[in-house]
Amino acid sequence: MLRQLATRNATKSVRAFSISRRAMVEGPSRTDSFKDRENAQEGAYIKKHEAEQLKKLKERLEEQKKVVDKLEKDLKNFKN
């Protein structure tokens, strides 16, 4: 009888240990809706930020083109 009690207790503790170990190894699920929403918001922020940077670069390019055109015009006037 003592052997049966010891075997039952050992089996229960091993099962509890194996379940908790599996949970620790696997960690939280990766399909969490909060994580999905966070990734979507992060993607939207990055897209908006890159669009702003592209707009600024295009504006700087236009300014530089104007400067180059002015310098070319001055160079032609200088030669004449």
N, C-alpha and C. Protein backbone atom coordinates (compact mmCIF):
# COMPACT_ATOMS: atom_id res chain seq x y z
N MET A 1 0.82 -1.19 0.00
CA MET A 1 0.00 0.00 0.00
C MET A 1 0.87 1.26 0.00
N LEU A 2 1.91 1.26 0.78
CA LEU A 2 2.82 2.41 0.83
C LEU A 2 3.47 2.62 -0.54
N ARG A 3 3.80 1.53 -1.19
CA ARG A 3 4.40 1.61 -2.51
C ARG A 3 3.43 2.26 -3.50
N GLN A 4 2.16 1.95 -3.45
CA GLN A 4 1.16 2.52 -4.35
C GLN A 4 1.02 4.02 -4.13
N LEU A 5 1.03 4.44 -2.87
CA LEU A 5 0.93 5.87 -2.58
C LEU A 5 2.16 6.61 -3.10
N ALA A 6 3.33 6.04 -2.90
CA ALA A 6 4.56 6.67 -3.36
C ALA A 6 4.57 6.77 -4.88
N THR A 7 4.09 5.72 -5.55
CA THR A 7 4.05 5.72 -7.01
C THR A 7 3.06 6.76 -7.52
N ARG A 8 1.90 6.87 -6.90
CA ARG A 8 0.91 7.86 -7.32
C ARG A 8 1.43 9.28 -7.14
N ASN A 9 2.05 9.55 -6.01
CA ASN A 9 2.57 10.89 -5.75
C ASN A 9 3.69 11.23 -6.72
N ALA A 10 4.54 10.26 -7.00
CA ALA A 10 5.64 10.50 -7.94
C ALA A 10 5.10 10.77 -9.34
N THR A 11 4.09 10.04 -9.75
CA THR A 11 3.51 10.23 -11.07
C THR A 11 2.87 11.60 -11.19
N LYS A 12 2.16 12.02 -10.18
CA LYS A 12 1.51 13.33 -10.22
C LYS A 12 2.55 14.45 -10.28
N SER A 13 3.61 14.36 -9.51
CA SER A 13 4.60 15.42 -9.50
C SER A 13 5.37 15.46 -10.82
N VAL A 14 5.61 14.30 -11.41
CA VAL A 14 6.30 14.28 -12.69
C VAL A 14 5.41 14.91 -13.76
N ARG A 15 4.14 14.61 -13.74
CA ARG A 15 3.24 15.19 -14.73
C ARG A 15 3.17 16.71 -14.58
N ALA A 16 3.06 17.17 -13.36
CA ALA A 16 2.99 18.61 -13.13
C ALA A 16 4.29 19.28 -13.58
N PHE A 17 5.40 18.62 -13.33
CA PHE A 17 6.68 19.19 -13.73
C PHE A 17 6.79 19.24 -15.25
N SER A 18 6.39 18.17 -15.91
CA SER A 18 6.53 18.14 -17.36
C SER A 18 5.61 19.18 -18.02
N ILE A 19 4.44 19.39 -17.47
CA ILE A 19 3.54 20.39 -18.04
C ILE A 19 4.11 21.79 -17.84
N SER A 20 4.60 22.07 -16.66
CA SER A 20 5.13 23.41 -16.42
C SER A 20 6.40 23.63 -17.23
N ARG A 21 7.19 22.59 -17.41
CA ARG A 21 8.40 22.74 -18.21
C ARG A 21 8.04 23.03 -19.66
N ARG A 22 7.04 22.36 -20.18
CA ARG A 22 6.61 22.60 -21.56
C ARG A 22 6.13 24.04 -21.71
N ALA A 23 5.40 24.52 -20.75
CA ALA A 23 4.89 25.90 -20.81
C ALA A 23 6.05 26.89 -20.77
N MET A 24 7.07 26.60 -19.98
CA MET A 24 8.22 27.51 -19.90
C MET A 24 9.01 27.50 -21.19
N VAL A 25 9.14 26.36 -21.85
CA VAL A 25 9.91 26.26 -23.08
C VAL A 25 9.17 26.94 -24.23
N GLU A 26 7.88 26.67 -24.35
CA GLU A 26 7.11 27.22 -25.46
C GLU A 26 6.85 28.71 -25.31
N GLY A 27 6.67 29.17 -24.09
CA GLY A 27 6.41 30.58 -23.85
C GLY A 27 5.03 30.97 -24.30
N PRO A 28 4.73 32.26 -24.34
CA PRO A 28 3.40 32.72 -24.75
C PRO A 28 3.19 32.46 -26.24
N SER A 29 1.93 32.37 -26.62
CA SER A 29 1.62 32.09 -28.02
C SER A 29 2.02 33.27 -28.89
N ARG A 30 2.44 32.98 -30.09
CA ARG A 30 2.89 34.02 -31.02
C ARG A 30 1.73 34.62 -31.81
N THR A 31 0.56 34.06 -31.69
CA THR A 31 -0.59 34.57 -32.45
C THR A 31 -1.47 35.45 -31.58
N ASP A 32 -0.86 36.18 -30.71
CA ASP A 32 -1.59 37.06 -29.81
C ASP A 32 -2.11 38.26 -30.59
N SER A 33 -3.38 38.60 -30.41
CA SER A 33 -3.96 39.71 -31.17
C SER A 33 -3.30 41.04 -30.79
N PHE A 34 -2.87 41.18 -29.55
CA PHE A 34 -2.18 42.41 -29.15
C PHE A 34 -0.88 42.55 -29.92
N LYS A 35 -0.14 41.46 -30.06
CA LYS A 35 1.13 41.49 -30.78
C LYS A 35 0.88 41.81 -32.26
N ASP A 36 -0.18 41.24 -32.84
CA ASP A 36 -0.51 41.53 -34.23
C ASP A 36 -0.83 43.01 -34.42
N ARG A 37 -1.61 43.56 -33.50
CA ARG A 37 -1.98 44.98 -33.59
C ARG A 37 -0.74 45.86 -33.43
N GLU A 38 0.14 45.47 -32.51
CA GLU A 38 1.36 46.24 -32.29
C GLU A 38 2.23 46.23 -33.54
N ASN A 39 2.36 45.07 -34.18
CA ASN A 39 3.15 44.97 -35.41
C ASN A 39 2.53 45.82 -36.52
N ALA A 40 1.22 45.84 -36.61
CA ALA A 40 0.55 46.65 -37.64
C ALA A 40 0.79 48.14 -37.39
N GLN A 41 0.70 48.56 -36.14
CA GLN A 41 0.93 49.97 -35.82
C GLN A 41 2.37 50.36 -36.09
N GLU A 42 3.28 49.46 -35.77
CA GLU A 42 4.69 49.73 -36.01
C GLU A 42 4.96 49.86 -37.52
N GLY A 43 4.36 48.98 -38.30
CA GLY A 43 4.51 49.05 -39.76
C GLY A 43 3.96 50.34 -40.32
N ALA A 44 2.81 50.78 -39.81
CA ALA A 44 2.22 52.03 -40.27
C ALA A 44 3.09 53.22 -39.90
N TYR A 45 3.67 53.20 -38.71
CA TYR A 45 4.55 54.29 -38.27
C TYR A 45 5.78 54.36 -39.17
N ILE A 46 6.37 53.20 -39.45
CA ILE A 46 7.57 53.17 -40.28
C ILE A 46 7.25 53.68 -41.68
N LYS A 47 6.13 53.26 -42.23
CA LYS A 47 5.74 53.69 -43.57
C LYS A 47 5.55 55.20 -43.61
N LYS A 48 4.89 55.75 -42.59
CA LYS A 48 4.66 57.20 -42.53
C LYS A 48 5.99 57.94 -42.40
N HIS A 49 6.87 57.44 -41.56
CA HIS A 49 8.17 58.07 -41.34
C HIS A 49 9.00 58.06 -42.63
N GLU A 50 9.00 56.93 -43.32
CA GLU A 50 9.75 56.85 -44.58
C GLU A 50 9.16 57.78 -45.64
N ALA A 51 7.84 57.92 -45.67
CA ALA A 51 7.20 58.83 -46.62
C ALA A 51 7.61 60.27 -46.34
N GLU A 52 7.68 60.63 -45.06
CA GLU A 52 8.12 61.99 -44.69
C GLU A 52 9.56 62.22 -45.11
N GLN A 53 10.42 61.23 -44.88
CA GLN A 53 11.81 61.37 -45.27
C GLN A 53 11.94 61.51 -46.79
N LEU A 54 11.18 60.72 -47.53
CA LEU A 54 11.22 60.79 -48.99
C LEU A 54 10.75 62.16 -49.48
N LYS A 55 9.72 62.69 -48.84
CA LYS A 55 9.23 64.01 -49.23
C LYS A 55 10.30 65.07 -48.99
N LYS A 56 10.98 65.01 -47.85
CA LYS A 56 12.04 65.97 -47.56
C LYS A 56 13.19 65.85 -48.56
N LEU A 57 13.54 64.62 -48.91
CA LEU A 57 14.61 64.42 -49.87
C LEU A 57 14.25 64.96 -51.24
N LYS A 58 13.01 64.78 -51.65
CA LYS A 58 12.56 65.31 -52.94
C LYS A 58 12.60 66.83 -52.94
N GLU A 59 12.21 67.44 -51.82
CA GLU A 59 12.28 68.91 -51.71
C GLU A 59 13.72 69.39 -51.81
N ARG A 60 14.64 68.70 -51.13
CA ARG A 60 16.05 69.08 -51.20
C ARG A 60 16.59 68.91 -52.61
N LEU A 61 16.14 67.86 -53.30
CA LEU A 61 16.58 67.63 -54.67
C LEU A 61 16.12 68.77 -55.57
N GLU A 62 14.88 69.21 -55.41
CA GLU A 62 14.37 70.33 -56.21
C GLU A 62 15.18 71.60 -55.93
N GLU A 63 15.50 71.84 -54.68
CA GLU A 63 16.30 73.02 -54.33
C GLU A 63 17.68 72.94 -54.99
N GLN A 64 18.27 71.76 -54.96
CA GLN A 64 19.59 71.59 -55.56
C GLN A 64 19.53 71.76 -57.07
N LYS A 65 18.46 71.28 -57.68
CA LYS A 65 18.31 71.48 -59.12
C LYS A 65 18.22 72.96 -59.46
N LYS A 66 17.51 73.72 -58.63
CA LYS A 66 17.41 75.16 -58.85
C LYS A 66 18.78 75.82 -58.74
N VAL A 67 19.55 75.39 -57.75
CA VAL A 67 20.90 75.95 -57.56
C VAL A 67 21.78 75.63 -58.77
N VAL A 68 21.71 74.40 -59.24
CA VAL A 68 22.51 73.99 -60.40
C VAL A 68 22.10 74.79 -61.63
N ASP A 69 20.80 74.95 -61.84
CA ASP A 69 20.33 75.73 -62.99
C ASP A 69 20.82 77.17 -62.90
N LYS A 70 20.78 77.74 -61.72
CA LYS A 70 21.25 79.12 -61.55
C LYS A 70 22.75 79.22 -61.83
N LEU A 71 23.51 78.24 -61.34
CA LEU A 71 24.95 78.27 -61.59
C LEU A 71 25.26 78.09 -63.07
N GLU A 72 24.53 77.23 -63.76
CA GLU A 72 24.73 77.06 -65.20
C GLU A 72 24.40 78.34 -65.95
N LYS A 73 23.35 79.01 -65.52
CA LYS A 73 22.97 80.27 -66.15
C LYS A 73 24.04 81.33 -65.92
N ASP A 74 24.55 81.40 -64.69
CA ASP A 74 25.62 82.36 -64.38
C ASP A 74 26.89 82.05 -65.18
N LEU A 75 27.16 80.78 -65.36
CA LEU A 75 28.34 80.37 -66.12
C LEU A 75 28.20 80.78 -67.59
N LYS A 76 27.02 80.61 -68.14
CA LYS A 76 26.79 81.01 -69.54
C LYS A 76 26.92 82.53 -69.66
N ASN A 77 26.37 83.26 -68.70
CA ASN A 77 26.48 84.73 -68.73
C ASN A 77 27.92 85.18 -68.57
N PHE A 78 28.69 84.46 -67.82
CA PHE A 78 30.07 84.83 -67.58
C PHE A 78 30.91 84.63 -68.85
N LYS A 79 30.60 83.56 -69.59
CA LYS A 79 31.31 83.29 -70.83
C LYS A 79 31.00 84.33 -71.90
N ASN A 80 29.82 84.85 -71.91
CA ASN A 80 29.44 85.84 -72.94
C ASN A 80 29.96 87.16 -72.59
